[in-house]
PDB file of N, CA and C in Angstrom:
ATOM      1  N   MET A   1      25.331  -1.740  -2.005  1.00  0.00           N
ATOM      2  CA  MET A   1      24.137  -1.106  -2.519  1.00  0.00           C
ATOM      3  C   MET A   1      23.229  -1.208  -1.289  1.00  0.00           C
ATOM      4  N   THR A   2      22.797   0.096  -1.038  1.00  0.00           N
ATOM      5  CA  THR A   2      21.661   0.412  -0.045  1.00  0.00           C
ATOM      6  C   THR A   2      20.246  -0.224  -0.101  1.00  0.00           C
ATOM      7  N   SER A   3      19.897  -0.830   0.663  1.00  0.00           N
ATOM      8  CA  SER A   3      18.302  -1.347   0.529  1.00  0.00           C
ATOM      9  C   SER A   3      17.485  -0.474   0.672  1.00  0.00           C
ATOM     10  N   ILE A   4      16.138  -0.390  -0.082  1.00  0.00           N
ATOM     11  CA  ILE A   4      15.004   0.458  -0.199  1.00  0.00           C
ATOM     12  C   ILE A   4      14.664   1.050   1.385  1.00  0.00           C
ATOM     13  N   ASN A   5      14.591   0.030   2.401  1.00  0.00           N
ATOM     14  CA  ASN A   5      14.194   0.173   3.707  1.00  0.00           C
ATOM     15  C   ASN A   5      15.249   1.342   4.268  1.00  0.00           C
ATOM     16  N   ASP A   6      16.568   1.081   4.107  1.00  0.00           N
ATOM     17  CA  ASP A   6      17.610   1.960   4.685  1.00  0.00           C
ATOM     18  C   ASP A   6      17.597   3.391   4.034  1.00  0.00           C
ATOM     19  N   ILE A   7      17.243   3.540   2.826  1.00  0.00           N
ATOM     20  CA  ILE A   7      17.239   4.795   2.027  1.00  0.00           C
ATOM     21  C   ILE A   7      15.853   5.346   2.632  1.00  0.00           C
ATOM     22  N   LEU A   8      14.781   4.893   2.938  1.00  0.00           N
ATOM     23  CA  LEU A   8      13.531   5.314   3.573  1.00  0.00           C
ATOM     24  C   LEU A   8      13.696   5.842   4.718  1.00  0.00           C
ATOM     25  N   VAL A   9      14.426   5.157   5.662  1.00  0.00           N
ATOM     26  CA  VAL A   9      14.803   5.593   7.062  1.00  0.00           C
ATOM     27  C   VAL A   9      15.461   6.714   7.045  1.00  0.00           C
ATOM     28  N   GLU A  10      16.653   6.978   6.095  1.00  0.00           N
ATOM     29  CA  GLU A  10      17.460   8.135   5.947  1.00  0.00           C
ATOM     30  C   GLU A  10      16.532   9.219   5.407  1.00  0.00           C
ATOM     31  N   MET A  11      15.821   9.111   4.523  1.00  0.00           N
ATOM     32  CA  MET A  11      14.770  10.142   4.098  1.00  0.00           C
ATOM     33  C   MET A  11      13.898  10.529   4.991  1.00  0.00           C
ATOM     34  N   ARG A  12      13.549   9.766   6.115  1.00  0.00           N
ATOM     35  CA  ARG A  12      12.797  10.343   7.282  1.00  0.00           C
ATOM     36  C   ARG A  12      13.406  10.941   8.226  1.00  0.00           C
ATOM     37  N   SER A  13      14.874  10.681   8.568  1.00  0.00           N
ATOM     38  CA  SER A  13      15.674  11.439   9.570  1.00  0.00           C
ATOM     39  C   SER A  13      16.093  12.505   8.771  1.00  0.00           C
ATOM     40  N   HIS A  14      16.577  12.588   7.568  1.00  0.00           N
ATOM     41  CA  HIS A  14      17.310  13.765   7.039  1.00  0.00           C
ATOM     42  C   HIS A  14      16.541  14.122   5.496  1.00  0.00           C
ATOM     43  N   PRO A  15      15.546  14.617   5.306  1.00  0.00           N
ATOM     44  CA  PRO A  15      14.848  15.122   4.164  1.00  0.00           C
ATOM     45  C   PRO A  15      15.895  15.852   3.467  1.00  0.00           C
ATOM     46  N   GLY A  16      16.607  16.596   3.785  1.00  0.00           N
ATOM     47  CA  GLY A  16      17.276  17.690   3.235  1.00  0.00           C
ATOM     48  C   GLY A  16      18.596  16.915   2.563  1.00  0.00           C
ATOM     49  N   GLY A  17      18.935  15.794   3.114  1.00  0.00           N
ATOM     50  CA  GLY A  17      20.415  15.103   2.658  1.00  0.00           C
ATOM     51  C   GLY A  17      19.985  13.998   1.885  1.00  0.00           C
ATOM     52  N   ALA A  18      18.700  13.828   1.128  1.00  0.00           N
ATOM     53  CA  ALA A  18      18.645  12.591   0.371  1.00  0.00           C
ATOM     54  C   ALA A  18      18.759  12.687  -1.062  1.00  0.00           C
ATOM     55  N   ARG A  19      19.617  11.772  -1.793  1.00  0.00           N
ATOM     56  CA  ARG A  19      19.952  11.990  -2.901  1.00  0.00           C
ATOM     57  C   ARG A  19      18.921  11.775  -3.903  1.00  0.00           C
ATOM     58  N   PHE A  20      18.857  12.413  -5.038  1.00  0.00           N
ATOM     59  CA  PHE A  20      17.660  12.605  -5.817  1.00  0.00           C
ATOM     60  C   PHE A  20      17.633  11.064  -6.444  1.00  0.00           C
ATOM     61  N   ALA A  21      18.643  10.316  -6.873  1.00  0.00           N
ATOM     62  CA  ALA A  21      18.564   9.153  -7.333  1.00  0.00           C
ATOM     63  C   ALA A  21      17.882   7.947  -6.558  1.00  0.00           C
ATOM     64  N   ASP A  22      18.378   8.239  -5.244  1.00  0.00           N
ATOM     65  CA  ASP A  22      18.008   7.346  -4.237  1.00  0.00           C
ATOM     66  C   ASP A  22      16.289   7.445  -3.797  1.00  0.00           C
ATOM     67  N   ALA A  23      16.112   8.917  -3.715  1.00  0.00           N
ATOM     68  CA  ALA A  23      14.680   9.049  -3.493  1.00  0.00           C
ATOM     69  C   ALA A  23      13.838   8.301  -4.703  1.00  0.00           C
ATOM     70  N   CYS A  24      14.216   8.850  -5.849  1.00  0.00           N
ATOM     71  CA  CYS A  24      13.473   8.046  -6.823  1.00  0.00           C
ATOM     72  C   CYS A  24      13.396   6.683  -7.012  1.00  0.00           C
ATOM     73  N   LYS A  25      14.671   6.175  -6.420  1.00  0.00           N
ATOM     74  CA  LYS A  25      14.285   4.506  -6.467  1.00  0.00           C
ATOM     75  C   LYS A  25      13.389   4.100  -5.341  1.00  0.00           C
ATOM     76  N   VAL A  26      13.400   5.034  -4.229  1.00  0.00           N
ATOM     77  CA  VAL A  26      12.259   4.354  -3.123  1.00  0.00           C
ATOM     78  C   VAL A  26      10.813   4.546  -3.578  1.00  0.00           C
ATOM     79  N   VAL A  27      10.820   5.697  -4.144  1.00  0.00           N
ATOM     80  CA  VAL A  27       9.400   6.149  -4.831  1.00  0.00           C
ATOM     81  C   VAL A  27       8.762   5.018  -5.874  1.00  0.00           C
ATOM     82  N   THR A  28       9.674   4.744  -6.611  1.00  0.00           N
ATOM     83  CA  THR A  28       9.426   3.639  -7.775  1.00  0.00           C
ATOM     84  C   THR A  28       9.052   2.508  -7.253  1.00  0.00           C
ATOM     85  N   SER A  29       9.634   1.892  -6.187  1.00  0.00           N
ATOM     86  CA  SER A  29       9.808   0.717  -5.550  1.00  0.00           C
ATOM     87  C   SER A  29       8.042   0.726  -5.088  1.00  0.00           C
ATOM     88  N   TYR A  30       7.910   1.673  -4.605  1.00  0.00           N
ATOM     89  CA  TYR A  30       6.265   1.642  -4.066  1.00  0.00           C
ATOM     90  C   TYR A  30       5.132   1.974  -4.999  1.00  0.00           C
ATOM     91  N   PHE A  31       5.501   2.839  -5.965  1.00  0.00           N
ATOM     92  CA  PHE A  31       4.542   3.353  -6.828  1.00  0.00           C
ATOM     93  C   PHE A  31       4.346   3.030  -8.215  1.00  0.00           C
ATOM     94  N   GLY A  32       5.732   2.335  -8.701  1.00  0.00           N
ATOM     95  CA  GLY A  32       5.751   2.038  -9.952  1.00  0.00           C
ATOM     96  C   GLY A  32       6.492   3.231 -10.761  1.00  0.00           C
ATOM     97  N   ALA A  33       6.758   2.979 -12.085  1.00  0.00           N
ATOM     98  CA  ALA A  33       7.503   3.906 -12.936  1.00  0.00           C
ATOM     99  C   ALA A  33       6.853   5.353 -12.857  1.00  0.00           C
ATOM    100  N   PRO A  34       7.611   6.267 -13.012  1.00  0.00           N
ATOM    101  CA  PRO A  34       6.903   7.856 -12.943  1.00  0.00           C
ATOM    102  C   PRO A  34       6.300   7.834 -14.346  1.00  0.00           C
ATOM    103  N   ARG A  35       5.057   8.482 -14.245  1.00  0.00           N
ATOM    104  CA  ARG A  35       4.377   8.906 -15.520  1.00  0.00           C
ATOM    105  C   ARG A  35       4.876   9.819 -16.416  1.00  0.00           C
ATOM    106  N   GLN A  36       5.729  10.739 -15.785  1.00  0.00           N
ATOM    107  CA  GLN A  36       6.320  11.577 -16.712  1.00  0.00           C
ATOM    108  C   GLN A  36       8.090  11.455 -16.178  1.00  0.00           C
ATOM    109  N   ASN A  37       8.815  11.527 -16.978  1.00  0.00           N
ATOM    110  CA  ASN A  37      10.143  11.022 -16.877  1.00  0.00           C
ATOM    111  C   ASN A  37      11.046  11.828 -17.780  1.00  0.00           C
ATOM    112  N   GLY A  38      10.647  12.455 -18.955  1.00  0.00           N
ATOM    113  CA  GLY A  38      11.569  13.065 -19.665  1.00  0.00           C
ATOM    114  C   GLY A  38      11.902  14.596 -19.451  1.00  0.00           C
ATOM    115  N   THR A  39      11.439  15.159 -18.398  1.00  0.00           N
ATOM    116  CA  THR A  39      11.718  16.690 -18.372  1.00  0.00           C
ATOM    117  C   THR A  39      12.531  16.749 -17.012  1.00  0.00           C
ATOM    118  N   SER A  40      12.302  18.121 -16.410  1.00  0.00           N
ATOM    119  CA  SER A  40      13.320  18.029 -14.893  1.00  0.00           C
ATOM    120  C   SER A  40      12.785  17.411 -14.055  1.00  0.00           C
ATOM    121  N   HIS A  41      11.439  17.153 -14.137  1.00  0.00           N
ATOM    122  CA  HIS A  41      10.731  16.690 -12.928  1.00  0.00           C
ATOM    123  C   HIS A  41      10.432  15.264 -13.281  1.00  0.00           C
ATOM    124  N   LYS A  42      10.317  14.512 -12.355  1.00  0.00           N
ATOM    125  CA  LYS A  42       9.473  12.991 -12.285  1.00  0.00           C
ATOM    126  C   LYS A  42       8.319  12.903 -11.686  1.00  0.00           C
ATOM    127  N   VAL A  43       7.348  12.585 -12.345  1.00  0.00           N
ATOM    128  CA  VAL A  43       6.064  12.587 -11.540  1.00  0.00           C
ATOM    129  C   VAL A  43       5.312  11.178 -11.438  1.00  0.00           C
ATOM    130  N   TRP A  44       4.680  10.518 -10.239  1.00  0.00           N
ATOM    131  CA  TRP A  44       4.424   9.545 -10.238  1.00  0.00           C
ATOM    132  C   TRP A  44       2.795   9.614 -10.091  1.00  0.00           C
ATOM    133  N   LYS A  45       2.245   8.801 -10.436  1.00  0.00           N
ATOM    134  CA  LYS A  45       0.486   8.421 -10.224  1.00  0.00           C
ATOM    135  C   LYS A  45       0.421   7.948  -8.954  1.00  0.00           C
ATOM    136  N   MET A  46      -0.599   8.582  -8.393  1.00  0.00           N
ATOM    137  CA  MET A  46      -1.040   8.113  -6.969  1.00  0.00           C
ATOM    138  C   MET A  46      -2.258   7.141  -7.134  1.00  0.00           C
ATOM    139  N   PRO A  47      -2.602   6.442  -6.244  1.00  0.00           N
ATOM    140  CA  PRO A  47      -3.723   5.507  -6.236  1.00  0.00           C
ATOM    141  C   PRO A  47      -4.909   6.230  -5.643  1.00  0.00           C
ATOM    142  N   TRP A  48      -4.746   7.428  -5.567  1.00  0.00           N
ATOM    143  CA  TRP A  48      -5.987   8.395  -4.695  1.00  0.00           C
ATOM    144  C   TRP A  48      -5.749   9.742  -5.408  1.00  0.00           C
ATOM    145  N   ALA A  49      -6.927  10.349  -5.332  1.00  0.00           N
ATOM    146  CA  ALA A  49      -7.091  11.607  -5.857  1.00  0.00           C
ATOM    147  C   ALA A  49      -6.458  12.682  -4.541  1.00  0.00           C
ATOM    148  N   GLY A  50      -5.922  13.770  -5.080  1.00  0.00           N
ATOM    149  CA  GLY A  50      -5.489  14.689  -4.212  1.00  0.00           C
ATOM    150  C   GLY A  50      -4.019  14.602  -3.618  1.00  0.00           C
ATOM    151  N   ASP A  51      -3.778  15.275  -2.497  1.00  0.00           N
ATOM    152  CA  ASP A  51      -2.281  15.192  -1.991  1.00  0.00           C
ATOM    153  C   ASP A  51      -2.456  14.013  -0.958  1.00  0.00           C
ATOM    154  N   PRO A  52      -1.138  13.486  -0.676  1.00  0.00           N
ATOM    155  CA  PRO A  52      -0.043  13.889  -0.970  1.00  0.00           C
ATOM    156  C   PRO A  52       0.390  13.257  -2.357  1.00  0.00           C
ATOM    157  N   ARG A  53       0.964  14.186  -3.163  1.00  0.00           N
ATOM    158  CA  ARG A  53       1.375  13.724  -4.449  1.00  0.00           C
ATOM    159  C   ARG A  53       2.748  13.737  -4.769  1.00  0.00           C
ATOM    160  N   ILE A  54       3.376  12.907  -5.492  1.00  0.00           N
ATOM    161  CA  ILE A  54       4.655  12.814  -5.478  1.00  0.00           C
ATOM    162  C   ILE A  54       5.479  13.433  -6.944  1.00  0.00           C
ATOM    163  N   ASN A  55       6.135  14.435  -6.802  1.00  0.00           N
ATOM    164  CA  ASN A  55       7.112  14.525  -7.946  1.00  0.00           C
ATOM    165  C   ASN A  55       8.481  14.956  -7.576  1.00  0.00           C
ATOM    166  N   MET A  56       9.429  14.790  -8.129  1.00  0.00           N
ATOM    167  CA  MET A  56      10.760  14.585  -7.577  1.00  0.00           C
ATOM    168  C   MET A  56      11.605  15.918  -8.739  1.00  0.00           C
ATOM    169  N   GLN A  57      12.380  16.637  -8.140  1.00  0.00           N
ATOM    170  CA  GLN A  57      13.309  17.483  -8.950  1.00  0.00           C
ATOM    171  C   GLN A  57      14.522  17.566  -8.452  1.00  0.00           C
ATOM    172  N   LYS A  58      15.608  17.560  -9.340  1.00  0.00           N
ATOM    173  CA  LYS A  58      16.815  17.415  -8.827  1.00  0.00           C
ATOM    174  C   LYS A  58      17.242  18.844  -8.144  1.00  0.00           C
ATOM    175  N   GLY A  59      17.827  18.904  -7.061  1.00  0.00           N
ATOM    176  CA  GLY A  59      18.006  20.240  -6.576  1.00  0.00           C
ATOM    177  C   GLY A  59      19.675  20.208  -6.602  1.00  0.00           C
ATOM    178  N   LYS A  60      20.302  21.152  -5.614  1.00  0.00           N
ATOM    179  CA  LYS A  60      21.688  21.535  -5.863  1.00  0.00           C
ATOM    180  C   LYS A  60      22.612  20.397  -5.382  1.00  0.00           C
ATOM    181  N   GLY A  61      23.736  20.043  -5.982  1.00  0.00           N
ATOM    182  CA  GLY A  61      24.446  18.982  -5.681  1.00  0.00           C
ATOM    183  C   GLY A  61      23.746  17.528  -5.805  1.00  0.00           C
ATOM    184  N   GLY A  62      22.994  17.406  -6.705  1.00  0.00           N
ATOM    185  CA  GLY A  62      22.464  16.014  -6.945  1.00  0.00           C
ATOM    186  C   GLY A  62      21.392  15.479  -5.848  1.00  0.00           C
ATOM    187  N   LEU A  63      21.029  16.555  -4.985  1.00  0.00           N
ATOM    188  CA  LEU A  63      19.921  16.102  -4.016  1.00  0.00           C
ATOM    189  C   LEU A  63      18.743  16.341  -4.319  1.00  0.00           C
ATOM    190  N   ALA A  64      17.745  15.620  -3.919  1.00  0.00           N
ATOM    191  CA  ALA A  64      15.967  15.683  -4.177  1.00  0.00           C
ATOM    192  C   ALA A  64      16.206  16.864  -3.106  1.00  0.00           C
ATOM    193  N   LYS A  65      14.984  17.768  -3.736  1.00  0.00           N
ATOM    194  CA  LYS A  65      14.461  18.966  -2.745  1.00  0.00           C
ATOM    195  C   LYS A  65      13.701  18.494  -1.746  1.00  0.00           C
ATOM    196  N   THR A  66      13.981  19.153  -0.432  1.00  0.00           N
ATOM    197  CA  THR A  66      13.597  18.695   1.064  1.00  0.00           C
ATOM    198  C   THR A  66      12.242  18.451   0.932  1.00  0.00           C
ATOM    199  N   TYR A  67      11.205  19.597   0.466  1.00  0.00           N
ATOM    200  CA  TYR A  67       9.825  19.450   0.571  1.00  0.00           C
ATOM    201  C   TYR A  67       9.235  18.325  -0.149  1.00  0.00           C
ATOM    202  N   GLN A  68       9.841  18.026  -1.423  1.00  0.00           N
ATOM    203  CA  GLN A  68       9.345  16.888  -2.170  1.00  0.00           C
ATOM    204  C   GLN A  68       9.767  15.308  -1.722  1.00  0.00           C
ATOM    205  N   VAL A  69      10.691  15.570  -0.795  1.00  0.00           N
ATOM    206  CA  VAL A  69      11.158  14.240  -0.170  1.00  0.00           C
ATOM    207  C   VAL A  69      10.060  14.011   1.168  1.00  0.00           C
ATOM    208  N   ARG A  70       9.785  15.082   1.861  1.00  0.00           N
ATOM    209  CA  ARG A  70       8.771  14.830   2.974  1.00  0.00           C
ATOM    210  C   ARG A  70       7.521  14.499   2.231  1.00  0.00           C
ATOM    211  N   GLN A  71       6.897  15.086   1.153  1.00  0.00           N
ATOM    212  CA  GLN A  71       5.605  14.524   0.568  1.00  0.00           C
ATOM    213  C   GLN A  71       5.976  13.057   0.171  1.00  0.00           C
ATOM    214  N   ALA A  72       7.100  12.731  -0.457  1.00  0.00           N
ATOM    215  CA  ALA A  72       7.342  11.424  -0.912  1.00  0.00           C
ATOM    216  C   ALA A  72       6.889  10.292   0.410  1.00  0.00           C
ATOM    217  N   VAL A  73       7.530  10.935   1.569  1.00  0.00           N
ATOM    218  CA  VAL A  73       7.561   9.898   2.764  1.00  0.00           C
ATOM    219  C   VAL A  73       6.045   9.879   3.132  1.00  0.00           C
ATOM    220  N   GLN A  74       5.512  11.124   3.075  1.00  0.00           N
ATOM    221  CA  GLN A  74       4.000  11.024   3.469  1.00  0.00           C
ATOM    222  C   GLN A  74       3.222  10.341   2.607  1.00  0.00           C
ATOM    223  N   ALA A  75       3.494  10.440   1.309  1.00  0.00           N
ATOM    224  CA  ALA A  75       2.785   9.211   0.482  1.00  0.00           C
ATOM    225  C   ALA A  75       2.836   7.739   0.594  1.00  0.00           C
ATOM    226  N   ILE A  76       4.179   7.389   1.125  1.00  0.00           N
ATOM    227  CA  ILE A  76       4.406   6.085   1.387  1.00  0.00           C
ATOM    228  C   ILE A  76       3.751   5.630   2.695  1.00  0.00           C
ATOM    229  N   ASP A  77       3.675   6.613   3.567  1.00  0.00           N
ATOM    230  CA  ASP A  77       2.987   6.227   4.808  1.00  0.00           C
ATOM    231  C   ASP A  77       1.710   5.956   4.688  1.00  0.00           C
ATOM    232  N   LYS A  78       0.774   6.758   3.681  1.00  0.00           N
ATOM    233  CA  LYS A  78      -0.254   6.773   3.306  1.00  0.00           C
ATOM    234  C   LYS A  78      -0.762   5.239   2.680  1.00  0.00           C
ATOM    235  N   LEU A  79       0.187   4.955   1.519  1.00  0.00           N
ATOM    236  CA  LEU A  79       0.091   3.735   0.898  1.00  0.00           C
ATOM    237  C   LEU A  79       0.084   2.659   1.763  1.00  0.00           C
ATOM    238  N   VAL A  80       1.207   2.533   2.850  1.00  0.00           N
ATOM    239  CA  VAL A  80       1.465   1.263   3.635  1.00  0.00           C
ATOM    240  C   VAL A  80       0.193   1.309   4.606  1.00  0.00           C
ATOM    241  N   ALA A  81      -0.362   2.450   5.105  1.00  0.00           N
ATOM    242  CA  ALA A  81      -1.507   2.270   5.956  1.00  0.00           C
ATOM    243  C   ALA A  81      -2.776   1.691   5.289  1.00  0.00           C
ATOM    244  N   GLN A  82      -2.969   2.032   4.133  1.00  0.00           N
ATOM    245  CA  GLN A  82      -3.942   1.540   3.366  1.00  0.00           C
ATOM    246  C   GLN A  82      -3.919  -0.036   2.954  1.00  0.00           C
ATOM    247  N   ARG A  83      -2.594  -0.172   2.859  1.00  0.00           N
ATOM    248  CA  ARG A  83      -2.564  -1.612   2.550  1.00  0.00           C
ATOM    249  C   ARG A  83      -2.536  -2.649   3.874  1.00  0.00           C
ATOM    250  N   ARG A  84      -2.249  -2.002   4.825  1.00  0.00           N
ATOM    251  CA  ARG A  84      -2.582  -2.754   6.385  1.00  0.00           C
ATOM    252  C   ARG A  84      -3.702  -2.914   6.602  1.00  0.00           C
ATOM    253  N   ALA A  85      -4.485  -1.570   6.261  1.00  0.00           N
ATOM    254  CA  ALA A  85      -6.030  -1.646   6.672  1.00  0.00           C
ATOM    255  C   ALA A  85      -6.871  -2.813   5.680  1.00  0.00           C
ATOM    256  N   ARG A  86      -6.155  -2.886   4.434  1.00  0.00           N
ATOM    257  CA  ARG A  86      -7.094  -3.731   3.475  1.00  0.00           C
ATOM    258  C   ARG A  86      -6.671  -5.057   3.932  1.00  0.00           C
ATOM    259  N   ALA A  87      -5.485  -5.378   4.433  1.00  0.00           N
ATOM    260  CA  ALA A  87      -5.071  -6.614   5.123  1.00  0.00           C
ATOM    261  C   ALA A  87      -6.013  -7.067   6.190  1.00  0.00           C
ATOM    262  N   ALA A  88      -5.917  -6.114   7.201  1.00  0.00           N
ATOM    263  CA  ALA A  88      -6.736  -6.411   8.204  1.00  0.00           C
ATOM    264  C   ALA A  88      -8.202  -6.617   7.941  1.00  0.00           C
ATOM    265  N   LYS A  89      -8.691  -6.044   6.894  1.00  0.00           N
ATOM    266  CA  LYS A  89     -10.122  -6.285   6.755  1.00  0.00           C
ATOM    267  C   LYS A  89     -10.340  -7.455   5.917  1.00  0.00           C
ATOM    268  N   ALA A  90      -9.338  -8.038   5.173  1.00  0.00           N
ATOM    269  CA  ALA A  90      -9.524  -9.430   4.504  1.00  0.00           C
ATOM    270  C   ALA A  90      -9.263 -10.287   5.779  1.00  0.00           C
ATOM    271  N   ALA A  91      -8.321 -10.105   6.345  1.00  0.00           N
ATOM    272  CA  ALA A  91      -8.359 -11.313   7.642  1.00  0.00           C
ATOM    273  C   ALA A  91      -9.272 -11.285   8.703  1.00  0.00           C
ATOM    274  N   ALA A  92     -10.015 -10.187   8.706  1.00  0.00           N
ATOM    275  CA  ALA A  92     -11.244 -10.338   9.541  1.00  0.00           C
ATOM    276  C   ALA A  92     -12.488 -11.148   8.751  1.00  0.00           C
ATOM    277  N   THR A  93     -12.677 -10.540   7.533  1.00  0.00           N
ATOM    278  CA  THR A  93     -13.696 -11.471   6.482  1.00  0.00           C
ATOM    279  C   THR A  93     -13.252 -12.789   6.548  1.00  0.00           C
ATOM    280  N   SER A  94     -12.053 -13.040   6.502  1.00  0.00           N
ATOM    281  CA  SER A  94     -11.776 -15.116   6.334  1.00  0.00           C
ATOM    282  C   SER A  94     -12.047 -15.643   7.560  1.00  0.00           C
ATOM    283  N   LYS A  95     -11.808 -14.699   8.931  1.00  0.00           N
ATOM    284  CA  LYS A  95     -12.452 -15.223  10.040  1.00  0.00           C
ATOM    285  C   LYS A  95     -13.728 -15.621  10.175  1.00  0.00           C
ATOM    286  N   LYS A  96     -14.780 -14.592   9.517  1.00  0.00           N
ATOM    287  CA  LYS A  96     -16.292 -14.586   9.764  1.00  0.00           C
ATOM    288  C   LYS A  96     -16.474 -15.896   8.796  1.00  0.00           C
ATOM    289  N   ARG A  97     -15.958 -15.819   7.776  1.00  0.00           N
ATOM    290  CA  ARG A  97     -16.050 -17.086   6.724  1.00  0.00           C
ATOM    291  C   ARG A  97     -16.159 -18.589   7.358  1.00  0.00           C
ATOM    292  N   VAL A  98     -14.859 -18.388   8.096  1.00  0.00           N
ATOM    293  CA  VAL A  98     -14.569 -19.858   8.811  1.00  0.00           C
ATOM    294  C   VAL A  98     -15.614 -19.800   9.839  1.00  0.00           C
ATOM    295  N   ALA A  99     -16.144 -18.990  10.705  1.00  0.00           N
ATOM    296  CA  ALA A  99     -16.851 -19.149  11.749  1.00  0.00           C
ATOM    297  C   ALA A  99     -18.261 -19.550  10.934  1.00  0.00           C
ATOM    298  N   ASN A 100     -18.757 -18.918   9.892  1.00  0.00           N
ATOM    299  CA  ASN A 100     -20.030 -19.075   9.251  1.00  0.00           C
ATOM    300  C   ASN A 100     -20.207 -20.635   8.756  1.00  0.00           C
ATOM    301  N   ARG A 101     -18.947 -21.147   8.235  1.00  0.00           N
ATOM    302  CA  ARG A 101     -18.921 -22.515   7.977  1.00  0.00           C
ATOM    303  C   ARG A 101     -18.916 -23.519   9.217  1.00  0.00           C
ATOM    304  N   LYS A 102     -18.443 -23.080  10.205  1.00  0.00           N
ATOM    305  CA  LYS A 102     -18.491 -24.019  11.417  1.00  0.00           C
ATOM    306  C   LYS A 102     -19.997 -24.098  11.799  1.00  0.00           C
ATOM    307  N   THR A 103     -20.635 -22.834  11.904  1.00  0.00           N
ATOM    308  CA  THR A 103     -21.861 -22.862  12.158  1.00  0.00           C
ATOM    309  C   THR A 103     -23.062 -23.562  11.221  1.00  0.00           C
ATOM    310  N   ARG A 104     -22.726 -23.294  10.222  1.00  0.00           N
ATOM    311  CA  ARG A 104     -23.799 -24.273   8.921  1.00  0.00           C
ATOM    312  C   ARG A 104     -23.226 -25.804   9.081  1.00  0.00           C
ATOM    313  N   THR A 105     -21.979 -26.103   9.450  1.00  0.00           N
ATOM    314  CA  THR A 105     -22.117 -27.464   9.654  1.00  0.00           C
ATOM    315  C   THR A 105     -22.616 -28.059  10.805  1.00  0.00           C
ATOM    316  N   LYS A 106     -22.570 -27.382  12.141  1.00  0.00           N
ATOM    317  CA  LYS A 106     -23.189 -27.863  12.983  1.00  0.00           C
ATOM    318  C   LYS A 106     -24.781 -27.770  12.894  1.00  0.00           C
ATOM    319  N   ASN A 107     -25.453 -26.730  12.325  1.00  0.00           N
ATOM    320  CA  ASN A 107     -26.901 -26.690  11.769  1.00  0.00           C
ATOM    321  C   ASN A 107     -27.081 -27.819  11.055  1.00  0.00           C
ATOM    322  N   VAL A 108     -26.262 -28.352  10.272  1.00  0.00           N
ATOM    323  CA  VAL A 108     -26.548 -29.278   9.244  1.00  0.00           C
ATOM    324  C   VAL A 108     -26.598 -30.789   9.934  1.00  0.00           C
ATOM    325  N   LYS A 109     -25.656 -30.797  10.852  1.00  0.00           N
ATOM    326  CA  LYS A 109     -25.620 -32.118  11.629  1.00  0.00           C
ATOM    327  C   LYS A 109     -26.948 -31.954  12.503  1.00  0.00           C
ATOM    328  N   ALA A 110     -27.510 -31.121  13.181  1.00  0.00           N
ATOM    329  CA  ALA A 110     -28.271 -30.831  14.122  1.00  0.00           C
ATOM    330  C   ALA A 110     -29.681 -31.276  13.520  1.00  0.00           C
ATOM    331  N   ARG A 111     -30.097 -30.890  12.371  1.00  0.00           N
ATOM    332  CA  ARG A 111     -31.459 -30.958  11.758  1.00  0.00           C
ATOM    333  C   ARG A 111     -31.636 -32.686  11.630  1.00  0.00           C
ATOM    334  N   LYS A 112     -32.962 -32.800  11.792  1.00  0.00           N
ATOM    335  CA  LYS A 112     -33.471 -34.071  11.175  1.00  0.00           C
ATOM    336  C   LYS A 112     -33.715 -33.941  10.006  1.00  0.00           C
ATOM    337  N   PRO A 113     -33.441 -35.490   9.496  1.00  0.00           N
ATOM    338  CA  PRO A 113     -33.750 -35.316   7.952  1.00  0.00           C
ATOM    339  C   PRO A 113     -35.260 -35.509   7.756  1.00  0.00           C
ATOM    340  N   LYS A 114     -35.638 -34.598   6.721  1.00  0.00           N
ATOM    341  CA  LYS A 114     -37.235 -34.706   6.538  1.00  0.00           C
ATOM    342  C   LYS A 114     -37.645 -36.115   5.709  1.00  0.00           C
ATOM    343  N   SER A 115     -38.716 -36.270   6.304  1.00  0.00           N
ATOM    344  CA  SER A 115     -39.206 -37.650   5.620  1.00  0.00           C
ATOM    345  C   SER A 115     -40.280 -37.377   4.637  1.00  0.00           C
ATOM    346  N   LYS A 116     -39.944 -38.351   3.605  1.00  0.00           N
ATOM    347  CA  LYS A 116     -40.582 -38.142   2.273  1.00  0.00           C
ATOM    348  C   LYS A 116     -41.950 -38.744   2.091  1.00  0.00           C
ATOM    349  N   LYS A 117     -42.861 -37.695   1.656  1.00  0.00           N
ATOM    350  CA  LYS A 117     -44.287 -38.052   1.849  1.00  0.00           C
ATOM    351  C   LYS A 117     -44.454 -38.790   0.322  1.00  0.00           C
ATOM    352  N   ARG A 118     -45.334 -40.120   0.419  1.00  0.00           N
ATOM    353  CA  ARG A 118     -45.591 -40.590  -0.848  1.00  0.00           C
ATOM    354  C   ARG A 118     -46.842 -40.020  -1.274  1.00  0.00           C
ATOM    355  N   ARG A 119     -46.905 -39.696  -2.657  1.00  0.00           N
ATOM    356  CA  ARG A 119     -48.028 -39.501  -3.123  1.00  0.00           C
ATOM    357  C   ARG A 119     -49.027 -40.554  -3.454  1.00  0.00           C
ATOM    358  N   SER A 120     -50.102 -40.294  -3.328  1.00  0.00           N
ATOM    359  CA  SER A 120     -50.968 -41.389  -3.765  1.00  0.00           C
ATOM    360  C   SER A 120     -51.607 -41.560  -5.059  1.00  0.00           C
TER     361      SER A 120
END
């Protein structure tokens, strides 16, 4: 059985030769189950508005249509880029928090304790 990454590499290099079942398998692994499945088309919900959208339709010989494979690859690339950006932002935020904790700790140690004034 071919892995998702192997199929995706094949879809990138030869979009006209991607089997419909394999293309659907890859898209489902990235975007979940299709929202429309019972007709001649399979349509997936995107986490963004607008293009690229993904729908798949069987072409001749059990292959996926070439332009739809290209759209699927573009959508997968966009999703991966968004995930990487989100992860990088989270890592940067985490580093800032650690730096702030260290600064706060130094400031607390450097302060002199306040003397308590007695009320008469």
